[in-house]
Amino acid sequence: MTTTQSAPGDGVRVAAAQFDPHLGDIACNTARILELLDQAASNGAGLVVFPECAVTGYTVGSLDEARALAQPADGDALRAIATRCAARNIHCVIGTLLAEGDRVHNAALLIGPSGPIGAYLKAHLPYCGADRFISKGDTGFHVFDTAIGRVGMLICYDLRFPEAARTLALRGADIIALPTNWPTGAETAPEFVARARAFENRVFVIACNRVGVERSAHYIGRSCIVAPSGRHLADASPTEEETIFADIDPRQARHKRLVIAAGEFEMDFFGDRRPELYA
């Protein structure tokens, strides 16, 4: 467990719970998620982010297998997680394959002490794992106002598309929660991309990866919590299950003007935009 303090004063402790989900073992994964929720709450966290497809696993081999694992929004696993969030007065962002009629989505669900708050369906699908077979998400990029700040969600590959994070930032996000399954070959994501998205948008990024091996995929861990300055506040192991924490003040993400020398060197990351030229 790693804890880093980013700022004194009012704020919230956030966490990324990096672990090794078991493909298809919903009961085992749910039990582990509940255990990690308890641990995060006991360490004072107001928000904990879990990996992509933490409930179900990710590397399915067909649409039929994805459908067999996909969870309904009101299913037992997600209701158990919501019940624990209520009992421990904590928010979480949880990844799962989600059943929606005949379609299956790669979803991130934001759940708080009062129950489900919002859902995000992965918009950008790489040719990898379950994303080879499931439906593209059409929720768009929404920000949810919560007791611990304004939270937006992306999933894994979405981070590679700057428009997605920028849309969340323009809509007022303080925190971008990113459940992810970064495999071998995705090392640039924790090294550079998460840092860039945080800095260019002046938001906090909480990226939670998994570890272990699932079928032929090896996962690289390295979950991270990044400040609006682009500085890493906490980093997880590349191989071990680990929960990382950081104490943040979400209000820092609402100041988009960076003053290096007052009246001499200032940058307004949103005020200086020229959207009329971007078409």
Protein backbone atom coordinates (compact mmCIF):
# COMPACT_ATOMS: atom_id res chain seq x y z
CA MET A 1 0.00 0.00 0.00
CA THR A 2 1.37 3.39 -1.03
CA THR A 3 0.01 6.71 0.19
CA THR A 4 1.04 10.13 -1.08
CA GLN A 5 -0.29 13.48 0.10
CA SER A 6 -0.83 16.01 -2.67
CA ALA A 7 -2.18 18.99 -0.79
CA PRO A 8 -3.11 19.97 2.76
CA GLY A 9 -6.53 21.15 3.80
CA ASP A 10 -9.95 20.05 2.66
CA GLY A 11 -10.02 17.24 0.16
CA VAL A 12 -10.63 13.56 -0.35
CA ARG A 13 -8.54 10.42 -0.24
CA VAL A 14 -8.75 8.49 -3.51
CA ALA A 15 -7.51 5.01 -4.29
CA ALA A 16 -6.78 2.60 -7.13
CA ALA A 17 -7.26 -1.07 -6.20
CA GLN A 18 -4.96 -3.04 -8.51
CA PHE A 19 -5.66 -6.77 -8.38
CA ASP A 20 -5.85 -9.95 -10.51
CA PRO A 21 -9.44 -10.75 -11.55
CA HIS A 22 -10.24 -14.33 -12.60
CA LEU A 23 -11.89 -14.71 -15.99
CA GLY A 24 -15.47 -15.89 -15.56
CA ASP A 25 -15.33 -16.31 -11.77
CA ILE A 26 -17.90 -13.67 -10.86
CA ALA A 27 -18.26 -14.82 -7.26
CA CYS A 28 -14.52 -14.79 -6.58
CA ASN A 29 -14.03 -11.41 -8.23
CA THR A 30 -16.97 -9.88 -6.37
CA ALA A 31 -15.68 -11.18 -3.04
CA ARG A 32 -12.26 -9.69 -3.74
CA ILE A 33 -13.78 -6.36 -4.77
CA LEU A 34 -15.80 -6.21 -1.54
CA GLU A 35 -12.65 -6.98 0.46
CA LEU A 36 -10.73 -4.22 -1.30
CA LEU A 37 -13.62 -1.79 -0.82
CA ASP A 38 -13.49 -2.50 2.91
CA GLN A 39 -9.72 -1.98 3.00
CA ALA A 40 -9.96 1.30 1.07
CA ALA A 41 -12.74 2.58 3.33
CA SER A 42 -10.77 1.60 6.44
CA ASN A 43 -7.87 3.67 5.10
CA GLY A 44 -10.14 6.70 4.71
CA ALA A 45 -10.79 6.61 0.96
CA GLY A 46 -13.83 8.41 -0.40
CA LEU A 47 -13.37 6.99 -3.89
CA VAL A 48 -11.74 3.77 -5.10
CA VAL A 49 -11.27 2.83 -8.76
CA PHE A 50 -11.04 -0.81 -9.87
CA PRO A 51 -9.66 -2.33 -13.09
CA GLU A 52 -11.47 -2.69 -16.39
CA CYS A 53 -13.79 -5.74 -16.39
CA ALA A 54 -12.88 -6.40 -12.76
CA VAL A 55 -16.15 -8.24 -12.16
CA THR A 56 -16.09 -10.51 -15.21
CA GLY A 57 -12.60 -10.72 -16.69
CA TYR A 58 -11.73 -9.47 -20.17
CA THR A 59 -10.04 -11.92 -22.55
CA VAL A 60 -13.11 -13.73 -23.84
CA GLY A 61 -12.87 -15.58 -27.13
CA SER A 62 -16.29 -14.91 -28.62
CA LEU A 63 -19.42 -12.82 -28.36
CA ASP A 64 -21.24 -15.80 -26.89
CA GLU A 65 -18.67 -16.05 -24.10
CA ALA A 66 -18.97 -12.31 -23.48
CA ARG A 67 -22.76 -12.63 -23.26
CA ALA A 68 -22.46 -15.51 -20.81
CA LEU A 69 -20.32 -13.37 -18.48
CA ALA A 70 -21.99 -9.97 -18.92
CA GLN A 71 -23.74 -8.68 -15.82
CA PRO A 72 -27.11 -6.94 -15.74
CA ALA A 73 -27.04 -3.55 -14.08
CA ASP A 74 -29.35 -4.89 -11.36
CA GLY A 75 -27.59 -8.26 -11.02
CA ASP A 76 -26.33 -9.83 -7.81
CA ALA A 77 -22.69 -8.78 -8.19
CA LEU A 78 -23.35 -5.11 -8.81
CA ARG A 79 -26.04 -4.99 -6.12
CA ALA A 80 -23.58 -6.48 -3.62
CA ILE A 81 -21.02 -3.81 -4.51
CA ALA A 82 -23.63 -1.05 -4.15
CA THR A 83 -24.69 -2.44 -0.78
CA ARG A 84 -21.09 -2.40 0.45
CA CYS A 85 -20.57 1.17 -0.81
CA ALA A 86 -23.60 2.20 1.25
CA ALA A 87 -22.39 0.34 4.33
CA ARG A 88 -18.89 1.84 4.12
CA ASN A 89 -19.92 5.33 2.90
CA ILE A 90 -17.60 5.14 -0.09
CA HIS A 91 -17.75 5.74 -3.84
CA CYS A 92 -16.31 3.34 -6.39
CA VAL A 93 -15.79 3.06 -10.13
CA ILE A 94 -16.08 -0.57 -11.16
CA GLY A 95 -15.41 -2.19 -14.52
CA THR A 96 -17.54 -5.02 -15.93
CA LEU A 97 -18.92 -6.50 -19.09
CA LEU A 98 -22.49 -5.20 -18.99
CA ALA A 99 -25.59 -6.80 -20.52
CA GLU A 100 -27.93 -4.36 -22.23
CA GLY A 101 -30.66 -6.21 -24.10
CA ASP A 102 -28.99 -8.26 -26.83
CA ARG A 103 -25.85 -6.16 -26.67
CA VAL A 104 -22.77 -6.42 -24.48
CA HIS A 105 -20.74 -3.38 -23.47
CA ASN A 106 -17.47 -2.75 -21.71
CA ALA A 107 -18.72 -0.56 -18.88
CA ALA A 108 -17.53 1.55 -15.97
CA LEU A 109 -20.11 2.17 -13.27
CA LEU A 110 -19.93 4.93 -10.68
CA ILE A 111 -21.57 3.84 -7.43
CA GLY A 112 -21.89 5.90 -4.26
CA PRO A 113 -23.24 5.49 -0.74
CA SER A 114 -26.76 6.20 -2.02
CA GLY A 115 -26.53 3.73 -4.91
CA PRO A 116 -25.66 3.87 -8.63
CA ILE A 117 -24.78 7.35 -9.87
CA GLY A 118 -23.86 6.87 -13.52
CA ALA A 119 -22.51 4.58 -16.18
CA TYR A 120 -20.04 4.96 -19.03
CA LEU A 121 -19.84 2.56 -21.98
CA LYS A 122 -16.43 2.28 -23.65
CA ALA A 123 -16.50 4.30 -26.86
CA HIS A 124 -13.17 3.37 -28.48
CA LEU A 125 -12.69 -0.37 -28.95
CA PRO A 126 -9.30 -1.84 -29.87
CA TYR A 127 -9.02 -5.22 -31.51
CA CYS A 128 -8.22 -6.90 -28.21
CA GLY A 129 -9.96 -9.15 -25.69
CA ALA A 130 -13.69 -8.71 -25.31
CA ASP A 131 -13.57 -5.46 -27.28
CA ARG A 132 -13.23 -7.52 -30.49
CA PHE A 133 -16.80 -8.72 -30.18
CA ILE A 134 -18.90 -6.30 -28.16
CA SER A 135 -20.81 -3.12 -29.07
CA LYS A 136 -19.29 0.34 -29.08
CA GLY A 137 -20.57 2.53 -26.28
CA ASP A 138 -22.86 5.44 -27.12
CA THR A 139 -23.22 7.17 -23.75
CA GLY A 140 -20.85 9.97 -24.68
CA PHE A 141 -18.70 11.60 -22.01
CA HIS A 142 -20.59 12.80 -18.96
CA VAL A 143 -19.50 14.29 -15.65
CA PHE A 144 -21.24 13.32 -12.42
CA ASP A 145 -21.41 15.74 -9.50
CA THR A 146 -20.74 13.80 -6.29
CA ALA A 147 -19.91 14.52 -2.68
CA ILE A 148 -16.23 13.84 -3.45
CA GLY A 149 -16.00 15.99 -6.57
CA ARG A 150 -17.01 16.02 -10.23
CA VAL A 151 -16.18 12.62 -11.69
CA GLY A 152 -15.90 11.57 -15.32
CA MET A 153 -15.04 8.09 -16.59
CA LEU A 154 -13.06 6.62 -19.46
CA ILE A 155 -11.91 3.04 -20.03
CA CYS A 156 -8.40 1.96 -21.06
CA TYR A 157 -7.96 2.67 -24.81
CA ASP A 158 -10.18 5.77 -24.51
CA LEU A 159 -7.23 7.55 -22.90
CA ARG A 160 -5.38 7.44 -26.24
CA PHE A 161 -7.97 9.80 -27.74
CA PRO A 162 -7.40 13.31 -26.36
CA GLU A 163 -10.88 14.46 -27.41
CA ALA A 164 -12.50 12.18 -24.83
CA ALA A 165 -10.58 13.52 -21.84
CA ARG A 166 -10.88 17.09 -23.13
CA THR A 167 -14.66 16.73 -23.39
CA LEU A 168 -14.83 15.61 -19.77
CA ALA A 169 -12.61 18.50 -18.69
CA LEU A 170 -14.68 21.05 -20.62
CA ARG A 171 -17.77 19.66 -18.89
CA GLY A 172 -16.21 20.35 -15.51
CA ALA A 173 -14.56 17.09 -14.43
CA ASP A 174 -12.25 17.31 -11.43
CA ILE A 175 -11.34 13.62 -11.62
CA ILE A 176 -11.12 11.25 -14.57
CA ALA A 177 -11.43 7.67 -13.36
CA LEU A 178 -9.86 5.16 -15.74
CA PRO A 179 -10.43 1.44 -15.21
CA THR A 180 -7.94 -0.25 -17.54
CA ASN A 181 -6.40 -3.54 -18.65
CA TRP A 182 -2.96 -2.42 -19.86
CA PRO A 183 -1.14 -5.47 -21.26
CA THR A 184 2.49 -5.87 -22.22
CA GLY A 185 3.15 -3.28 -24.93
CA ALA A 186 1.07 -0.54 -23.27
CA GLU A 187 3.85 0.82 -21.05
CA THR A 188 3.55 4.29 -22.59
CA ALA A 189 0.10 4.65 -20.99
CA PRO A 190 1.27 4.96 -17.36
CA GLU A 191 4.59 6.52 -18.37
CA PHE A 192 3.30 9.31 -20.62
CA VAL A 193 -0.34 9.27 -21.64
CA ALA A 194 -1.98 9.46 -18.20
CA ARG A 195 0.41 12.25 -17.26
CA ALA A 196 -0.30 14.15 -20.49
CA ARG A 197 -4.08 13.91 -20.12
CA ALA A 198 -3.90 15.16 -16.54
CA PHE A 199 -1.61 18.06 -17.39
CA GLU A 200 -3.22 19.27 -20.61
CA ASN A 201 -6.67 19.27 -18.97
CA ARG A 202 -5.57 20.25 -15.45
CA VAL A 203 -7.50 17.35 -13.87
CA PHE A 204 -6.73 14.43 -11.59
CA VAL A 205 -6.44 11.06 -13.34
CA ILE A 206 -6.91 7.82 -11.38
CA ALA A 207 -5.85 4.94 -13.60
CA CYS A 208 -6.38 1.45 -12.19
CA ASN A 209 -4.83 -1.47 -14.06
CA ARG A 210 -4.81 -5.17 -13.24
CA VAL A 211 -1.91 -7.59 -12.80
CA GLY A 212 -1.43 -11.26 -13.63
CA VAL A 213 -2.06 -13.37 -16.71
CA GLU A 214 -5.42 -14.01 -18.33
CA ARG A 215 -5.24 -16.58 -21.11
CA SER A 216 -2.43 -15.27 -23.35
CA ALA A 217 -2.44 -11.70 -22.01
CA HIS A 218 0.14 -10.49 -19.48
CA TYR A 219 -0.87 -7.35 -17.60
CA ILE A 220 1.63 -4.71 -16.49
CA GLY A 221 0.07 -3.21 -13.34
CA ARG A 222 1.53 0.26 -12.78
CA SER A 223 -1.75 1.85 -11.69
CA CYS A 224 -1.24 5.53 -11.00
CA ILE A 225 -2.81 8.63 -9.54
CA VAL A 226 -1.78 11.81 -11.37
CA ALA A 227 -2.21 15.44 -10.31
CA PRO A 228 -3.30 18.32 -12.59
CA SER A 229 0.38 19.30 -12.72
CA GLY A 230 1.16 15.98 -14.41
CA ARG A 231 3.01 14.76 -11.34
CA HIS A 232 2.48 11.18 -10.27
CA LEU A 233 1.13 11.18 -6.71
CA ALA A 234 1.15 7.39 -6.31
CA ASP A 235 2.32 4.44 -8.41
CA ALA A 236 1.63 0.73 -8.05
CA SER A 237 3.84 -2.29 -8.66
CA PRO A 238 4.15 -3.75 -12.19
CA THR A 239 3.49 -7.27 -10.87
CA GLU A 240 1.79 -7.29 -7.45
CA GLU A 241 -1.72 -6.68 -6.20
CA GLU A 242 -1.63 -3.33 -4.44
CA THR A 243 -3.94 -0.48 -3.47
CA ILE A 244 -2.47 2.99 -3.86
CA PHE A 245 -3.84 6.14 -2.22
CA ALA A 246 -3.49 9.90 -2.60
CA ASP A 247 -5.02 12.77 -0.68
CA ILE A 248 -6.27 15.33 -3.20
CA ASP A 249 -8.23 18.57 -3.27
CA PRO A 250 -10.54 18.29 -6.31
CA ARG A 251 -10.88 22.08 -6.34
CA GLN A 252 -7.34 22.28 -7.71
CA ALA A 253 -8.71 20.95 -11.00
CA ARG A 254 -10.99 23.97 -11.35
CA HIS A 255 -8.06 26.38 -11.77
CA LYS A 256 -7.08 26.20 -15.41
CA ARG A 257 -4.86 29.29 -15.34
CA LEU A 258 -1.21 28.57 -14.56
CA VAL A 259 0.76 31.57 -13.29
CA ILE A 260 4.51 31.07 -13.42
CA ALA A 261 5.38 34.76 -13.03
CA ALA A 262 2.42 37.08 -12.47
CA GLY A 263 2.03 39.54 -15.32
CA GLU A 264 4.99 38.03 -17.16
CA PHE A 265 4.38 34.33 -17.79
CA GLU A 266 0.86 32.98 -17.48
CA MET A 267 -1.04 30.23 -19.32
CA ASP A 268 -4.81 29.75 -19.35
CA PHE A 269 -5.30 26.19 -20.58
CA PHE A 270 -8.97 26.76 -21.42
CA GLY A 271 -9.17 30.53 -21.87
CA ASP A 272 -6.41 30.48 -24.48
CA ARG A 273 -8.10 27.83 -26.63
CA ARG A 274 -9.01 28.72 -30.25
CA PRO A 275 -11.89 26.35 -31.03
CA GLU A 276 -12.83 28.37 -34.10
CA LEU A 277 -9.63 27.06 -35.71
CA TYR A 278 -10.00 23.41 -34.72
CA ALA A 279 -12.54 22.24 -37.29
